[in-house]
């Protein structure tokens, strides 16, 4: 992320631009920790498109994100600009069906059809 300074405004811009965001160690294709892998797998199983940010790409990323979100660990899942939590919370919400509901509600708030199966 060339020219990215990890400011609160920049981080807020990412979560405002994308309905679902995963701040993680590595990438969904090459996660660099088990918790990040779990979070990516949960989002992959959910089937909704998401943006991922590799927090290992810049040494400033993790402390900046943790301070901005007031959440001490990685990964972090955001839906509709709101912090949902880490991989354990995302997994629990997915297993209960609540994660899908949260995404549907966030889509509705943004004026999108709650059903994303027809998104291209």
C-alpha atoms as a PDB file:
ATOM      1  CA  UNK A   1       0.000   0.000   0.000  1.00  0.00           C
ATOM      2  CA  UNK A   2       2.349   2.654  -1.282  1.00  0.00           C
ATOM      3  CA  UNK A   3       1.832   6.046   0.307  1.00  0.00           C
ATOM      4  CA  UNK A   4      -0.481   4.596   2.955  1.00  0.00           C
ATOM      5  CA  UNK A   5       0.217   6.047   6.404  1.00  0.00           C
ATOM      6  CA  UNK A   6      -2.198   3.894   8.481  1.00  0.00           C
ATOM      7  CA  UNK A   7      -4.086   6.908   9.809  1.00  0.00           C
ATOM      8  CA  UNK A   8      -7.523   6.604  11.371  1.00  0.00           C
ATOM      9  CA  UNK A   9      -9.036   8.338   8.321  1.00  0.00           C
ATOM     10  CA  UNK A  10      -7.342   5.927   5.916  1.00  0.00           C
ATOM     11  CA  UNK A  11      -8.422   2.881   7.917  1.00  0.00           C
ATOM     12  CA  UNK A  12     -11.973   4.172   8.201  1.00  0.00           C
ATOM     13  CA  UNK A  13     -11.937   4.739   4.447  1.00  0.00           C
ATOM     14  CA  UNK A  14     -11.140   1.066   3.846  1.00  0.00           C
ATOM     15  CA  UNK A  15     -14.004  -0.210   5.995  1.00  0.00           C
ATOM     16  CA  UNK A  16     -16.382   2.385   4.555  1.00  0.00           C
ATOM     17  CA  UNK A  17     -15.474   1.458   0.965  1.00  0.00           C
ATOM     18  CA  UNK A  18     -15.870  -2.306   1.390  1.00  0.00           C
ATOM     19  CA  UNK A  19     -18.839  -3.975   3.068  1.00  0.00           C
ATOM     20  CA  UNK A  20     -16.672  -6.768   4.513  1.00  0.00           C
ATOM     21  CA  UNK A  21     -13.001  -6.256   5.428  1.00  0.00           C
ATOM     22  CA  UNK A  22     -10.493  -8.656   6.953  1.00  0.00           C
ATOM     23  CA  UNK A  23      -7.320  -7.222   8.464  1.00  0.00           C
ATOM     24  CA  UNK A  24      -5.084 -10.291   8.614  1.00  0.00           C
ATOM     25  CA  UNK A  25      -1.533 -11.589   8.751  1.00  0.00           C
ATOM     26  CA  UNK A  26      -0.823 -12.574   5.162  1.00  0.00           C
ATOM     27  CA  UNK A  27      -3.437 -12.992   2.469  1.00  0.00           C
ATOM     28  CA  UNK A  28      -6.437 -15.316   2.132  1.00  0.00           C
ATOM     29  CA  UNK A  29      -4.383 -17.367  -0.330  1.00  0.00           C
ATOM     30  CA  UNK A  30      -1.281 -17.395   1.889  1.00  0.00           C
ATOM     31  CA  UNK A  31      -2.218 -16.724   5.520  1.00  0.00           C
ATOM     32  CA  UNK A  32       0.697 -16.268   7.900  1.00  0.00           C
ATOM     33  CA  UNK A  33      -1.009 -17.412  11.111  1.00  0.00           C
ATOM     34  CA  UNK A  34      -3.673 -19.901  12.086  1.00  0.00           C
ATOM     35  CA  UNK A  35      -6.130 -17.301  13.356  1.00  0.00           C
ATOM     36  CA  UNK A  36      -5.906 -15.328  10.117  1.00  0.00           C
ATOM     37  CA  UNK A  37      -6.367 -18.559   8.184  1.00  0.00           C
ATOM     38  CA  UNK A  38      -9.475 -19.368  10.226  1.00  0.00           C
ATOM     39  CA  UNK A  39     -10.980 -15.914   9.645  1.00  0.00           C
ATOM     40  CA  UNK A  40     -10.327 -16.108   5.901  1.00  0.00           C
ATOM     41  CA  UNK A  41     -11.841 -19.594   5.728  1.00  0.00           C
ATOM     42  CA  UNK A  42     -14.960 -18.412   7.563  1.00  0.00           C
ATOM     43  CA  UNK A  43     -15.398 -15.524   5.131  1.00  0.00           C
ATOM     44  CA  UNK A  44     -14.715 -17.806   2.176  1.00  0.00           C
ATOM     45  CA  UNK A  45     -17.399 -20.210   3.409  1.00  0.00           C
ATOM     46  CA  UNK A  46     -19.811 -17.321   3.903  1.00  0.00           C
ATOM     47  CA  UNK A  47     -19.374 -16.604   0.207  1.00  0.00           C
ATOM     48  CA  UNK A  48     -19.660 -12.817   0.336  1.00  0.00           C
ATOM     49  CA  UNK A  49     -16.897 -10.826  -1.391  1.00  0.00           C
ATOM     50  CA  UNK A  50     -14.487  -9.218   1.030  1.00  0.00           C
ATOM     51  CA  UNK A  51     -11.398  -7.040   1.013  1.00  0.00           C
ATOM     52  CA  UNK A  52      -8.326  -8.229   2.876  1.00  0.00           C
ATOM     53  CA  UNK A  53      -5.450  -6.152   4.175  1.00  0.00           C
ATOM     54  CA  UNK A  54      -2.107  -7.821   4.907  1.00  0.00           C
ATOM     55  CA  UNK A  55      -1.010  -6.284   8.203  1.00  0.00           C
ATOM     56  CA  UNK A  56       2.486  -7.739   7.780  1.00  0.00           C
ATOM     57  CA  UNK A  57       3.106  -5.523   4.756  1.00  0.00           C
ATOM     58  CA  UNK A  58       4.171  -2.592   6.966  1.00  0.00           C
ATOM     59  CA  UNK A  59       5.459  -2.655  10.537  1.00  0.00           C
ATOM     60  CA  UNK A  60       3.168   0.300  11.371  1.00  0.00           C
ATOM     61  CA  UNK A  61       0.011  -1.566  10.392  1.00  0.00           C
ATOM     62  CA  UNK A  62      -0.730  -3.707  13.454  1.00  0.00           C
ATOM     63  CA  UNK A  63      -0.236  -1.031  16.128  1.00  0.00           C
ATOM     64  CA  UNK A  64      -2.128   1.543  14.051  1.00  0.00           C
ATOM     65  CA  UNK A  65      -5.081  -0.763  13.374  1.00  0.00           C
ATOM     66  CA  UNK A  66      -5.257  -1.992  16.977  1.00  0.00           C
ATOM     67  CA  UNK A  67      -5.217   1.565  18.315  1.00  0.00           C
ATOM     68  CA  UNK A  68      -7.842   2.738  15.790  1.00  0.00           C
ATOM     69  CA  UNK A  69     -10.199  -0.205  16.354  1.00  0.00           C
ATOM     70  CA  UNK A  70      -9.542  -0.488  20.111  1.00  0.00           C
ATOM     71  CA  UNK A  71      -9.152  -4.249  19.610  1.00  0.00           C
ATOM     72  CA  UNK A  72      -5.813  -5.748  20.679  1.00  0.00           C
ATOM     73  CA  UNK A  73      -5.310  -8.670  18.296  1.00  0.00           C
ATOM     74  CA  UNK A  74      -5.267  -9.765  14.665  1.00  0.00           C
ATOM     75  CA  UNK A  75      -7.157 -10.732  12.621  1.00  0.00           C
ATOM     76  CA  UNK A  76     -10.024  -8.247  12.705  1.00  0.00           C
ATOM     77  CA  UNK A  77     -13.269  -8.631  10.761  1.00  0.00           C
ATOM     78  CA  UNK A  78     -15.345  -5.575   9.896  1.00  0.00           C
ATOM     79  CA  UNK A  79     -18.827  -5.687   8.396  1.00  0.00           C
ATOM     80  CA  UNK A  80     -20.685  -2.529   7.438  1.00  0.00           C
ATOM     81  CA  UNK A  81     -17.864  -0.409   8.884  1.00  0.00           C
ATOM     82  CA  UNK A  82     -18.306  -2.060  12.302  1.00  0.00           C
ATOM     83  CA  UNK A  83     -15.805  -4.297  14.069  1.00  0.00           C
ATOM     84  CA  UNK A  84     -17.263  -7.778  14.456  1.00  0.00           C
ATOM     85  CA  UNK A  85     -14.216  -9.256  16.189  1.00  0.00           C
ATOM     86  CA  UNK A  86     -11.490 -11.789  15.562  1.00  0.00           C
ATOM     87  CA  UNK A  87     -11.498 -15.281  14.117  1.00  0.00           C
ATOM     88  CA  UNK A  88     -13.165 -16.978  17.098  1.00  0.00           C
ATOM     89  CA  UNK A  89     -16.095 -14.549  17.102  1.00  0.00           C
ATOM     90  CA  UNK A  90     -16.425 -14.731  13.310  1.00  0.00           C
ATOM     91  CA  UNK A  91     -16.480 -18.535  13.480  1.00  0.00           C
ATOM     92  CA  UNK A  92     -19.113 -18.572  16.239  1.00  0.00           C
ATOM     93  CA  UNK A  93     -21.279 -16.103  14.333  1.00  0.00           C
ATOM     94  CA  UNK A  94     -20.909 -18.129  11.145  1.00  0.00           C
ATOM     95  CA  UNK A  95     -21.831 -21.388  12.850  1.00  0.00           C
ATOM     96  CA  UNK A  96     -24.927 -19.845  14.439  1.00  0.00           C
ATOM     97  CA  UNK A  97     -26.037 -18.210  11.168  1.00  0.00           C
ATOM     98  CA  UNK A  98     -25.692 -14.747  12.677  1.00  0.00           C
ATOM     99  CA  UNK A  99     -22.775 -13.741  10.439  1.00  0.00           C
ATOM    100  CA  UNK A 100     -24.967 -14.070   7.345  1.00  0.00           C
ATOM    101  CA  UNK A 101     -27.658 -11.997   9.062  1.00  0.00           C
ATOM    102  CA  UNK A 102     -25.136  -9.282   9.968  1.00  0.00           C
ATOM    103  CA  UNK A 103     -23.983  -9.077   6.339  1.00  0.00           C
ATOM    104  CA  UNK A 104     -27.585  -8.986   5.075  1.00  0.00           C
ATOM    105  CA  UNK A 105     -28.423  -6.165   7.492  1.00  0.00           C
ATOM    106  CA  UNK A 106     -25.289  -4.224   6.523  1.00  0.00           C
ATOM    107  CA  UNK A 107     -26.173  -4.609   2.834  1.00  0.00           C
ATOM    108  CA  UNK A 108     -29.689  -3.303   3.498  1.00  0.00           C
ATOM    109  CA  UNK A 109     -28.337  -0.287   5.401  1.00  0.00           C
ATOM    110  CA  UNK A 110     -26.151   0.523   2.380  1.00  0.00           C
ATOM    111  CA  UNK A 111     -29.117   0.255   0.024  1.00  0.00           C
ATOM    112  CA  UNK A 112     -28.063  -3.086  -1.430  1.00  0.00           C
ATOM    113  CA  UNK A 113     -30.173  -6.195  -1.940  1.00  0.00           C
ATOM    114  CA  UNK A 114     -29.749  -8.363   1.170  1.00  0.00           C
ATOM    115  CA  UNK A 115     -29.203 -11.429  -1.065  1.00  0.00           C
ATOM    116  CA  UNK A 116     -25.724 -11.336  -2.610  1.00  0.00           C
ATOM    117  CA  UNK A 117     -26.047 -14.511  -4.668  1.00  0.00           C
ATOM    118  CA  UNK A 118     -26.800 -12.440  -7.771  1.00  0.00           C
ATOM    119  CA  UNK A 119     -23.884 -10.013  -7.313  1.00  0.00           C
ATOM    120  CA  UNK A 120     -21.411 -10.081 -10.153  1.00  0.00           C
END
